[in-house]
Amino acid sequence: MARTNYAFDKRQKDLAKKKKKEEKRQKKLAAKSDELANEDLPGGRRC
């Protein structure tokens, strides 16, 4: 019977966590840039 490779499991879990964190950061960055773009409309109006 094969033994469980805990180091591999931990590495995969850490990679998934990093990927999720990066996606969340990108989403926040996109939302912030959209917010800034809306403020730059003439007359101070928003969409």
Protein backbone atom coordinates (compact mmCIF):
# COMPACT_ATOMS: atom_id res chain seq x y z
CA MET A 1 0.00 0.00 0.00
CA ALA A 2 1.32 3.46 -0.91
CA ARG A 3 2.06 6.02 1.77
CA THR A 4 0.52 9.46 1.74
CA ASN A 5 2.85 12.18 0.50
CA TYR A 6 2.06 14.99 2.94
CA ALA A 7 4.65 17.34 1.45
CA PHE A 8 2.96 17.12 -1.95
CA ASP A 9 -0.46 17.73 -0.42
CA LYS A 10 0.83 20.74 1.50
CA ARG A 11 2.46 22.17 -1.63
CA GLN A 12 -0.75 21.80 -3.63
CA LYS A 13 -2.76 23.45 -0.85
CA ASP A 14 -0.28 26.36 -0.67
CA LEU A 15 -0.37 26.83 -4.46
CA ALA A 16 -4.17 26.90 -4.43
CA LYS A 17 -4.13 29.44 -1.61
CA LYS A 18 -1.66 31.68 -3.49
CA LYS A 19 -3.72 31.45 -6.67
CA LYS A 20 -6.92 32.40 -4.86
CA LYS A 21 -5.20 35.30 -3.12
CA GLU A 22 -3.81 36.61 -6.42
CA GLU A 23 -7.23 36.37 -8.09
CA LYS A 24 -8.76 38.30 -5.21
CA ARG A 25 -6.04 40.97 -5.49
CA GLN A 26 -6.65 41.31 -9.23
CA LYS A 27 -10.39 41.61 -8.68
CA LYS A 28 -9.91 44.37 -6.08
CA LEU A 29 -7.47 46.18 -8.38
CA ALA A 30 -9.93 46.04 -11.28
CA ALA A 31 -12.77 47.32 -9.10
CA LYS A 32 -10.62 50.17 -7.84
CA SER A 33 -9.55 51.18 -11.35
CA ASP A 34 -13.21 51.14 -12.49
CA GLU A 35 -14.12 53.36 -9.56
CA LEU A 36 -11.36 55.82 -10.44
CA ALA A 37 -12.41 55.85 -14.11
CA ASN A 38 -15.99 56.70 -13.13
CA GLU A 39 -14.82 59.69 -11.07
CA ASP A 40 -13.03 61.17 -14.08
CA LEU A 41 -16.25 61.69 -16.08
CA PRO A 42 -17.04 65.30 -17.05
CA GLY A 43 -19.29 67.15 -14.63
CA GLY A 44 -18.41 64.75 -11.83
CA ARG A 45 -21.19 62.38 -12.91
CA ARG A 46 -20.96 58.66 -12.56
CA CYS A 47 -22.36 55.98 -14.83
